[in-house]
Amino acid sequence: MSLLIFSLFLSSHIVIPTPIESPQWVWPVNGRISDTFGTRHGKHYGIDIAASIGTPVVAINTGTVKKSYRSNSYGHVVFIQHGEYEAVYAHLDKRYVFQGDFVNSGEIIGLVGNTGKSRGAHLHLEIHKGVWTYRKQNAINPLLFFDK
């Protein structure tokens, strides 16, 4: 450490490292918020964004696809690990990414749909601190990540 300080002292300028910033969180779909976190007697663990079937859905941040499948409740669904958070993108019409894929922030991962237990075309978005669990005890309000 002292050698580093001494060499900086001898040089004509000091280089100060800049912190590495993570990419900004990106809004996932062009649509309107139709339901918020915590409604349905506290059982709605995400937000719903209404949009037409076929509207592109993008990754909210860079990450790795943990799961991509069709379920009875979520319909076509994609789970992406974004650093310390796992996001769930549900009720998709089509999925374009699959387990193990790396995605960039803003990359199209699927299309809005009305699959699974859904009433009308929308994206259901959940964000969990750590990982998703069946009981959803790690769920966080997605609106905390966006300027909405």
N, C-alpha and C. Protein backbone atom coordinates (compact mmCIF):
# COMPACT_ATOMS: atom_id res chain seq x y z
N MET A 1 0.83 -1.19 0.00
CA MET A 1 0.00 0.00 0.00
C MET A 1 0.87 1.25 0.00
N SER A 2 1.92 1.25 0.86
CA SER A 2 2.78 2.44 0.92
C SER A 2 3.53 2.65 -0.38
N LEU A 3 3.89 1.54 -1.08
CA LEU A 3 4.54 1.66 -2.38
C LEU A 3 3.61 2.32 -3.38
N LEU A 4 2.33 1.97 -3.35
CA LEU A 4 1.34 2.57 -4.24
C LEU A 4 1.21 4.07 -3.97
N ILE A 5 1.12 4.44 -2.72
CA ILE A 5 1.01 5.86 -2.36
C ILE A 5 2.26 6.61 -2.79
N PHE A 6 3.44 6.01 -2.55
CA PHE A 6 4.70 6.65 -2.94
C PHE A 6 4.77 6.84 -4.46
N SER A 7 4.37 5.81 -5.23
CA SER A 7 4.42 5.94 -6.69
C SER A 7 3.41 6.97 -7.18
N LEU A 8 2.28 7.10 -6.53
CA LEU A 8 1.31 8.13 -6.90
C LEU A 8 1.88 9.51 -6.60
N PHE A 9 2.60 9.61 -5.49
CA PHE A 9 3.20 10.89 -5.10
C PHE A 9 4.24 11.34 -6.12
N LEU A 10 5.00 10.39 -6.65
CA LEU A 10 6.05 10.71 -7.61
C LEU A 10 5.51 11.05 -9.00
N SER A 11 4.34 10.54 -9.31
CA SER A 11 3.81 10.82 -10.65
C SER A 11 3.26 12.24 -10.71
N SER A 12 3.11 12.74 -11.93
CA SER A 12 2.65 14.12 -12.11
C SER A 12 1.15 14.27 -11.93
N HIS A 13 0.42 13.17 -11.93
CA HIS A 13 -1.03 13.24 -11.72
C HIS A 13 -1.48 12.03 -10.91
N ILE A 14 -2.60 12.18 -10.28
CA ILE A 14 -3.16 11.09 -9.48
C ILE A 14 -4.39 10.56 -10.21
N VAL A 15 -4.46 9.25 -10.34
CA VAL A 15 -5.60 8.61 -10.98
C VAL A 15 -6.50 8.08 -9.87
N ILE A 16 -7.72 8.55 -9.85
CA ILE A 16 -8.69 8.10 -8.86
C ILE A 16 -9.65 7.15 -9.56
N PRO A 17 -9.71 5.89 -9.11
CA PRO A 17 -10.61 4.95 -9.78
C PRO A 17 -12.06 5.36 -9.59
N THR A 18 -12.85 5.17 -10.63
CA THR A 18 -14.28 5.47 -10.54
C THR A 18 -15.03 4.19 -10.20
N PRO A 19 -16.07 4.29 -9.40
CA PRO A 19 -16.82 3.08 -9.05
C PRO A 19 -17.52 2.51 -10.27
N ILE A 20 -17.66 1.19 -10.28
CA ILE A 20 -18.40 0.54 -11.35
C ILE A 20 -19.87 0.63 -11.00
N GLU A 21 -20.64 1.17 -11.91
CA GLU A 21 -22.07 1.31 -11.67
C GLU A 21 -22.81 0.17 -12.36
N SER A 22 -23.83 -0.36 -11.69
CA SER A 22 -24.65 -1.39 -12.33
C SER A 22 -25.60 -0.69 -13.29
N PRO A 23 -26.03 -1.41 -14.33
CA PRO A 23 -26.95 -0.80 -15.28
C PRO A 23 -28.24 -0.33 -14.60
N GLN A 24 -28.85 0.67 -15.15
CA GLN A 24 -30.11 1.18 -14.61
C GLN A 24 -31.22 0.14 -14.77
N TRP A 25 -32.17 0.18 -13.89
CA TRP A 25 -33.35 -0.67 -14.01
C TRP A 25 -34.20 -0.11 -15.14
N VAL A 26 -34.68 -0.96 -16.01
CA VAL A 26 -35.43 -0.58 -17.20
C VAL A 26 -36.88 -1.03 -17.03
N TRP A 27 -37.82 -0.14 -17.33
CA TRP A 27 -39.25 -0.49 -17.28
C TRP A 27 -39.49 -1.61 -18.30
N PRO A 28 -40.21 -2.68 -17.92
CA PRO A 28 -40.25 -3.88 -18.76
C PRO A 28 -41.17 -3.86 -19.98
N VAL A 29 -42.18 -3.00 -19.98
CA VAL A 29 -43.14 -3.06 -21.08
C VAL A 29 -43.87 -1.74 -21.21
N ASN A 30 -44.22 -1.40 -22.42
CA ASN A 30 -45.00 -0.19 -22.66
C ASN A 30 -46.47 -0.51 -22.37
N GLY A 31 -46.97 -0.01 -21.27
CA GLY A 31 -48.34 -0.28 -20.86
C GLY A 31 -48.69 0.55 -19.64
N ARG A 32 -49.83 0.23 -19.03
CA ARG A 32 -50.25 0.98 -17.84
C ARG A 32 -50.36 0.03 -16.65
N ILE A 33 -50.04 0.54 -15.49
CA ILE A 33 -50.14 -0.27 -14.27
C ILE A 33 -51.61 -0.50 -13.97
N SER A 34 -52.01 -1.76 -13.95
CA SER A 34 -53.42 -2.09 -13.71
C SER A 34 -53.66 -2.69 -12.33
N ASP A 35 -52.61 -3.11 -11.64
CA ASP A 35 -52.75 -3.59 -10.26
C ASP A 35 -51.39 -3.44 -9.58
N THR A 36 -51.42 -3.12 -8.30
CA THR A 36 -50.19 -2.82 -7.57
C THR A 36 -49.85 -3.91 -6.56
N PHE A 37 -48.69 -3.79 -5.99
CA PHE A 37 -48.16 -4.72 -4.99
C PHE A 37 -49.01 -4.66 -3.72
N GLY A 38 -49.32 -5.82 -3.15
CA GLY A 38 -49.99 -5.87 -1.85
C GLY A 38 -51.50 -5.86 -1.89
N THR A 39 -52.11 -5.76 -3.06
CA THR A 39 -53.57 -5.81 -3.13
C THR A 39 -54.03 -7.26 -2.95
N ARG A 40 -55.32 -7.48 -3.06
CA ARG A 40 -55.91 -8.82 -2.89
C ARG A 40 -55.60 -9.37 -1.49
N HIS A 41 -55.88 -8.55 -0.49
CA HIS A 41 -55.66 -8.91 0.92
C HIS A 41 -54.19 -9.24 1.18
N GLY A 42 -53.29 -8.51 0.52
CA GLY A 42 -51.86 -8.70 0.73
C GLY A 42 -51.27 -9.87 -0.03
N LYS A 43 -52.05 -10.50 -0.89
CA LYS A 43 -51.59 -11.70 -1.60
C LYS A 43 -51.08 -11.42 -3.01
N HIS A 44 -51.05 -10.17 -3.43
CA HIS A 44 -50.53 -9.84 -4.77
C HIS A 44 -49.09 -9.39 -4.60
N TYR A 45 -48.16 -10.29 -4.96
CA TYR A 45 -46.75 -10.09 -4.68
C TYR A 45 -45.98 -9.44 -5.82
N GLY A 46 -46.69 -8.77 -6.70
CA GLY A 46 -46.04 -8.09 -7.81
C GLY A 46 -46.92 -6.96 -8.30
N ILE A 47 -46.63 -6.51 -9.52
CA ILE A 47 -47.47 -5.50 -10.16
C ILE A 47 -47.93 -6.06 -11.50
N ASP A 48 -49.06 -5.57 -11.97
CA ASP A 48 -49.57 -5.94 -13.29
C ASP A 48 -49.49 -4.72 -14.18
N ILE A 49 -48.98 -4.95 -15.39
CA ILE A 49 -48.88 -3.88 -16.38
C ILE A 49 -49.68 -4.31 -17.60
N ALA A 50 -50.83 -3.66 -17.80
CA ALA A 50 -51.70 -4.01 -18.92
C ALA A 50 -51.11 -3.52 -20.23
N ALA A 51 -51.15 -4.38 -21.24
CA ALA A 51 -50.66 -4.05 -22.57
C ALA A 51 -51.30 -5.03 -23.55
N SER A 52 -51.27 -4.70 -24.81
CA SER A 52 -51.84 -5.58 -25.83
C SER A 52 -51.03 -6.87 -25.96
N ILE A 53 -51.73 -7.96 -26.27
CA ILE A 53 -51.04 -9.22 -26.53
C ILE A 53 -50.02 -9.00 -27.65
N GLY A 54 -48.82 -9.49 -27.43
CA GLY A 54 -47.76 -9.36 -28.42
C GLY A 54 -46.83 -8.18 -28.19
N THR A 55 -47.13 -7.33 -27.19
CA THR A 55 -46.24 -6.21 -26.88
C THR A 55 -44.93 -6.78 -26.31
N PRO A 56 -43.77 -6.31 -26.79
CA PRO A 56 -42.49 -6.83 -26.29
C PRO A 56 -42.28 -6.55 -24.80
N VAL A 57 -41.73 -7.55 -24.11
CA VAL A 57 -41.34 -7.45 -22.70
C VAL A 57 -39.83 -7.54 -22.66
N VAL A 58 -39.19 -6.60 -21.94
CA VAL A 58 -37.73 -6.59 -21.87
C VAL A 58 -37.24 -6.88 -20.45
N ALA A 59 -36.00 -7.36 -20.37
CA ALA A 59 -35.36 -7.61 -19.08
C ALA A 59 -35.15 -6.28 -18.36
N ILE A 60 -35.48 -6.25 -17.08
CA ILE A 60 -35.37 -5.01 -16.30
C ILE A 60 -33.93 -4.69 -15.92
N ASN A 61 -33.04 -5.65 -16.07
CA ASN A 61 -31.63 -5.47 -15.77
C ASN A 61 -30.87 -6.63 -16.38
N THR A 62 -29.55 -6.59 -16.35
CA THR A 62 -28.78 -7.73 -16.85
C THR A 62 -28.95 -8.90 -15.89
N GLY A 63 -28.80 -10.11 -16.40
CA GLY A 63 -28.93 -11.26 -15.52
C GLY A 63 -28.89 -12.58 -16.26
N THR A 64 -29.18 -13.63 -15.51
CA THR A 64 -29.17 -15.00 -16.03
C THR A 64 -30.55 -15.62 -15.83
N VAL A 65 -31.06 -16.24 -16.88
CA VAL A 65 -32.37 -16.90 -16.81
C VAL A 65 -32.23 -18.15 -15.95
N LYS A 66 -33.00 -18.20 -14.85
CA LYS A 66 -32.98 -19.34 -13.95
C LYS A 66 -33.99 -20.40 -14.37
N LYS A 67 -35.16 -19.96 -14.84
CA LYS A 67 -36.22 -20.87 -15.29
C LYS A 67 -37.00 -20.20 -16.41
N SER A 68 -37.53 -21.02 -17.30
CA SER A 68 -38.40 -20.53 -18.37
C SER A 68 -39.29 -21.70 -18.76
N TYR A 69 -40.58 -21.60 -18.44
CA TYR A 69 -41.48 -22.73 -18.68
C TYR A 69 -42.93 -22.24 -18.70
N ARG A 70 -43.86 -23.18 -18.86
CA ARG A 70 -45.28 -22.86 -18.78
C ARG A 70 -45.83 -23.50 -17.50
N SER A 71 -46.52 -22.69 -16.69
CA SER A 71 -47.13 -23.23 -15.46
C SER A 71 -48.63 -22.98 -15.51
N ASN A 72 -49.35 -23.69 -14.65
CA ASN A 72 -50.81 -23.51 -14.60
C ASN A 72 -51.19 -22.12 -14.12
N SER A 73 -50.46 -21.58 -13.14
CA SER A 73 -50.83 -20.28 -12.58
C SER A 73 -50.19 -19.11 -13.32
N TYR A 74 -48.88 -19.15 -13.55
CA TYR A 74 -48.17 -18.05 -14.20
C TYR A 74 -48.27 -18.09 -15.73
N GLY A 75 -48.76 -19.18 -16.29
CA GLY A 75 -48.73 -19.32 -17.75
C GLY A 75 -47.29 -19.39 -18.21
N HIS A 76 -47.00 -18.82 -19.39
CA HIS A 76 -45.60 -18.76 -19.83
C HIS A 76 -44.89 -17.78 -18.91
N VAL A 77 -43.80 -18.25 -18.28
CA VAL A 77 -43.12 -17.46 -17.25
C VAL A 77 -41.61 -17.58 -17.40
N VAL A 78 -40.92 -16.49 -17.08
CA VAL A 78 -39.46 -16.45 -17.10
C VAL A 78 -38.99 -15.90 -15.75
N PHE A 79 -38.02 -16.59 -15.14
CA PHE A 79 -37.38 -16.15 -13.90
C PHE A 79 -35.95 -15.74 -14.25
N ILE A 80 -35.58 -14.51 -13.90
CA ILE A 80 -34.23 -14.02 -14.20
C ILE A 80 -33.58 -13.53 -12.91
N GLN A 81 -32.35 -14.01 -12.66
CA GLN A 81 -31.56 -13.56 -11.52
C GLN A 81 -30.81 -12.31 -11.94
N HIS A 82 -31.18 -11.17 -11.33
CA HIS A 82 -30.54 -9.88 -11.59
C HIS A 82 -29.69 -9.53 -10.37
N GLY A 83 -28.48 -10.05 -10.30
CA GLY A 83 -27.64 -9.81 -9.12
C GLY A 83 -28.29 -10.40 -7.89
N GLU A 84 -28.54 -9.56 -6.90
CA GLU A 84 -29.12 -10.07 -5.64
C GLU A 84 -30.64 -10.17 -5.68
N TYR A 85 -31.25 -9.92 -6.83
CA TYR A 85 -32.70 -9.98 -6.97
C TYR A 85 -33.10 -10.97 -8.05
N GLU A 86 -34.23 -11.64 -7.83
CA GLU A 86 -34.79 -12.51 -8.86
C GLU A 86 -36.13 -11.93 -9.29
N ALA A 87 -36.29 -11.76 -10.60
CA ALA A 87 -37.53 -11.21 -11.15
C ALA A 87 -38.32 -12.31 -11.84
N VAL A 88 -39.64 -12.20 -11.72
CA VAL A 88 -40.56 -13.13 -12.36
C VAL A 88 -41.38 -12.34 -13.37
N TYR A 89 -41.39 -12.81 -14.61
CA TYR A 89 -42.14 -12.19 -15.71
C TYR A 89 -43.19 -13.21 -16.13
N ALA A 90 -44.47 -12.95 -15.80
CA ALA A 90 -45.49 -13.98 -15.97
C ALA A 90 -46.61 -13.58 -16.93
N HIS A 91 -47.36 -14.61 -17.34
CA HIS A 91 -48.52 -14.53 -18.25
C HIS A 91 -48.11 -14.15 -19.68
N LEU A 92 -46.88 -14.51 -20.06
CA LEU A 92 -46.37 -14.17 -21.39
C LEU A 92 -47.08 -14.98 -22.47
N ASP A 93 -47.17 -14.41 -23.65
CA ASP A 93 -47.69 -15.12 -24.81
C ASP A 93 -46.60 -16.01 -25.41
N LYS A 94 -45.39 -15.46 -25.46
CA LYS A 94 -44.23 -16.20 -25.97
C LYS A 94 -43.02 -15.88 -25.11
N ARG A 95 -42.13 -16.89 -24.98
CA ARG A 95 -40.86 -16.72 -24.26
C ARG A 95 -39.73 -16.82 -25.27
N TYR A 96 -38.80 -15.88 -25.22
CA TYR A 96 -37.65 -15.89 -26.14
C TYR A 96 -36.34 -16.27 -25.46
N VAL A 97 -36.35 -16.45 -24.16
CA VAL A 97 -35.13 -16.81 -23.43
C VAL A 97 -35.40 -18.06 -22.60
N PHE A 98 -34.31 -18.79 -22.33
CA PHE A 98 -34.46 -20.08 -21.66
C PHE A 98 -33.36 -20.27 -20.62
N GLN A 99 -33.55 -21.27 -19.75
CA GLN A 99 -32.65 -21.49 -18.63
C GLN A 99 -31.19 -21.44 -19.07
N GLY A 100 -30.40 -20.66 -18.33
CA GLY A 100 -28.98 -20.54 -18.59
C GLY A 100 -28.60 -19.38 -19.49
N ASP A 101 -29.58 -18.81 -20.20
CA ASP A 101 -29.28 -17.67 -21.08
C ASP A 101 -28.87 -16.46 -20.26
N PHE A 102 -27.91 -15.69 -20.77
CA PHE A 102 -27.56 -14.40 -20.20
C PHE A 102 -28.36 -13.35 -20.95
N VAL A 103 -28.95 -12.40 -20.23
CA VAL A 103 -29.72 -11.33 -20.89
C VAL A 103 -29.14 -9.98 -20.49
N ASN A 104 -29.23 -9.06 -21.42
CA ASN A 104 -28.83 -7.68 -21.16
C ASN A 104 -30.02 -6.86 -20.73
N SER A 105 -29.78 -5.81 -19.99
CA SER A 105 -30.83 -4.88 -19.61
C SER A 105 -31.48 -4.33 -20.88
N GLY A 106 -32.81 -4.43 -20.96
CA GLY A 106 -33.53 -3.92 -22.12
C GLY A 106 -33.70 -4.92 -23.25
N GLU A 107 -33.14 -6.12 -23.11
CA GLU A 107 -33.27 -7.15 -24.15
C GLU A 107 -34.67 -7.75 -24.13
N ILE A 108 -35.26 -7.98 -25.30
CA ILE A 108 -36.59 -8.59 -25.37
C ILE A 108 -36.50 -10.04 -24.91
N ILE A 109 -37.34 -10.39 -23.92
CA ILE A 109 -37.34 -11.75 -23.38
C ILE A 109 -38.62 -12.50 -23.70
N GLY A 110 -39.65 -11.77 -24.15
CA GLY A 110 -40.92 -12.40 -24.46
C GLY A 110 -41.94 -11.37 -24.91
N LEU A 111 -43.19 -11.85 -25.02
CA LEU A 111 -44.29 -10.98 -25.44
C LEU A 111 -45.42 -11.05 -24.43
N VAL A 112 -46.09 -9.94 -24.21
CA VAL A 112 -47.24 -9.89 -23.30
C VAL A 112 -48.28 -10.90 -23.76
N GLY A 113 -48.90 -11.55 -22.79
CA GLY A 113 -49.94 -12.52 -23.11
C GLY A 113 -51.06 -12.52 -22.08
N ASN A 114 -51.83 -13.59 -22.12
CA ASN A 114 -52.96 -13.78 -21.21
C ASN A 114 -53.02 -15.27 -20.88
N THR A 115 -51.88 -15.82 -20.45
CA THR A 115 -51.78 -17.26 -20.19
C THR A 115 -51.80 -17.53 -18.70
N GLY A 116 -52.13 -18.77 -18.34
CA GLY A 116 -52.22 -19.14 -16.93
C GLY A 116 -53.46 -18.56 -16.30
N LYS A 117 -53.42 -18.34 -14.98
CA LYS A 117 -54.56 -17.74 -14.26
C LYS A 117 -54.49 -16.24 -14.44
N SER A 118 -55.07 -15.77 -15.50
CA SER A 118 -54.95 -14.36 -15.89
C SER A 118 -56.29 -13.88 -16.42
N ARG A 119 -56.58 -12.62 -16.15
CA ARG A 119 -57.79 -12.00 -16.69
C ARG A 119 -57.37 -10.80 -17.52
N GLY A 120 -57.17 -11.00 -18.78
CA GLY A 120 -56.77 -9.92 -19.66
C GLY A 120 -55.28 -9.89 -19.90
N ALA A 121 -54.89 -9.34 -21.02
CA ALA A 121 -53.48 -9.28 -21.41
C ALA A 121 -52.71 -8.34 -20.49
N HIS A 122 -51.64 -8.86 -19.90
CA HIS A 122 -50.79 -8.04 -19.05
C HIS A 122 -49.50 -8.78 -18.73
N LEU A 123 -48.52 -8.04 -18.23
CA LEU A 123 -47.32 -8.62 -17.64
C LEU A 123 -47.49 -8.57 -16.13
N HIS A 124 -47.31 -9.70 -15.48
CA HIS A 124 -47.24 -9.73 -14.02
C HIS A 124 -45.75 -9.78 -13.68
N LEU A 125 -45.26 -8.76 -12.96
CA LEU A 125 -43.84 -8.67 -12.61
C LEU A 125 -43.67 -8.75 -11.10
N GLU A 126 -42.84 -9.68 -10.66
CA GLU A 126 -42.47 -9.80 -9.26
C GLU A 126 -40.96 -9.61 -9.14
N ILE A 127 -40.51 -9.03 -8.03
CA ILE A 127 -39.08 -8.96 -7.72
C ILE A 127 -38.89 -9.48 -6.30
N HIS A 128 -37.94 -10.40 -6.14
CA HIS A 128 -37.66 -11.02 -4.85
C HIS A 128 -36.21 -10.76 -4.46
N LYS A 129 -36.00 -10.35 -3.21
CA LYS A 129 -34.63 -10.17 -2.70
C LYS A 129 -34.07 -11.57 -2.46
N GLY A 130 -32.97 -11.86 -3.12
CA GLY A 130 -32.43 -13.22 -3.07
C GLY A 130 -33.07 -14.04 -4.17
N VAL A 131 -33.85 -15.03 -3.77
CA VAL A 131 -34.49 -15.89 -4.76
C VAL A 131 -35.99 -16.00 -4.51
N TRP A 132 -36.71 -16.38 -5.56
CA TRP A 132 -38.14 -16.63 -5.47
C TRP A 132 -38.37 -17.89 -4.66
N THR A 133 -39.38 -17.87 -3.82
CA THR A 133 -39.81 -19.07 -3.11
C THR A 133 -41.31 -19.20 -3.29
N TYR A 134 -41.80 -20.41 -3.13
CA TYR A 134 -43.23 -20.66 -3.30
C TYR A 134 -44.06 -19.77 -2.38
N ARG A 135 -43.59 -19.54 -1.16
CA ARG A 135 -44.33 -18.71 -0.20
C ARG A 135 -44.15 -17.22 -0.45
N LYS A 136 -43.20 -16.86 -1.29
CA LYS A 136 -42.96 -15.48 -1.73
C LYS A 136 -42.61 -14.53 -0.58
N GLN A 137 -41.96 -15.05 0.44
CA GLN A 137 -41.62 -14.21 1.59
C GLN A 137 -40.53 -13.19 1.28
N ASN A 138 -39.85 -13.31 0.14
CA ASN A 138 -38.80 -12.36 -0.23
C ASN A 138 -39.28 -11.30 -1.21
N ALA A 139 -40.58 -11.26 -1.48
CA ALA A 139 -41.12 -10.32 -2.48
C ALA A 139 -40.96 -8.87 -2.03
N ILE A 140 -40.61 -8.02 -3.00
CA ILE A 140 -40.44 -6.58 -2.79
C ILE A 140 -41.30 -5.87 -3.82
N ASN A 141 -41.83 -4.73 -3.46
CA ASN A 141 -42.63 -3.94 -4.41
C ASN A 141 -41.76 -3.53 -5.60
N PRO A 142 -42.06 -4.01 -6.81
CA PRO A 142 -41.25 -3.64 -7.98
C PRO A 142 -41.18 -2.14 -8.25
N LEU A 143 -42.19 -1.40 -7.83
CA LEU A 143 -42.18 0.05 -8.10
C LEU A 143 -41.06 0.78 -7.37
N LEU A 144 -40.47 0.14 -6.36
CA LEU A 144 -39.34 0.74 -5.65
C LEU A 144 -38.10 0.84 -6.54
N PHE A 145 -38.07 0.08 -7.64
CA PHE A 145 -36.91 0.05 -8.52
C PHE A 145 -37.03 1.02 -9.70
N PHE A 146 -38.20 1.61 -9.86
CA PHE A 146 -38.46 2.42 -11.05
C PHE A 146 -38.98 3.80 -10.68
N ASP A 147 -38.83 4.73 -11.60
CA ASP A 147 -39.35 6.09 -11.44
C ASP A 147 -40.79 6.15 -11.94
N LYS A 148 -41.69 5.51 -11.26
CA LYS A 148 -43.09 5.47 -11.70
C LYS A 148 -43.99 5.98 -10.61
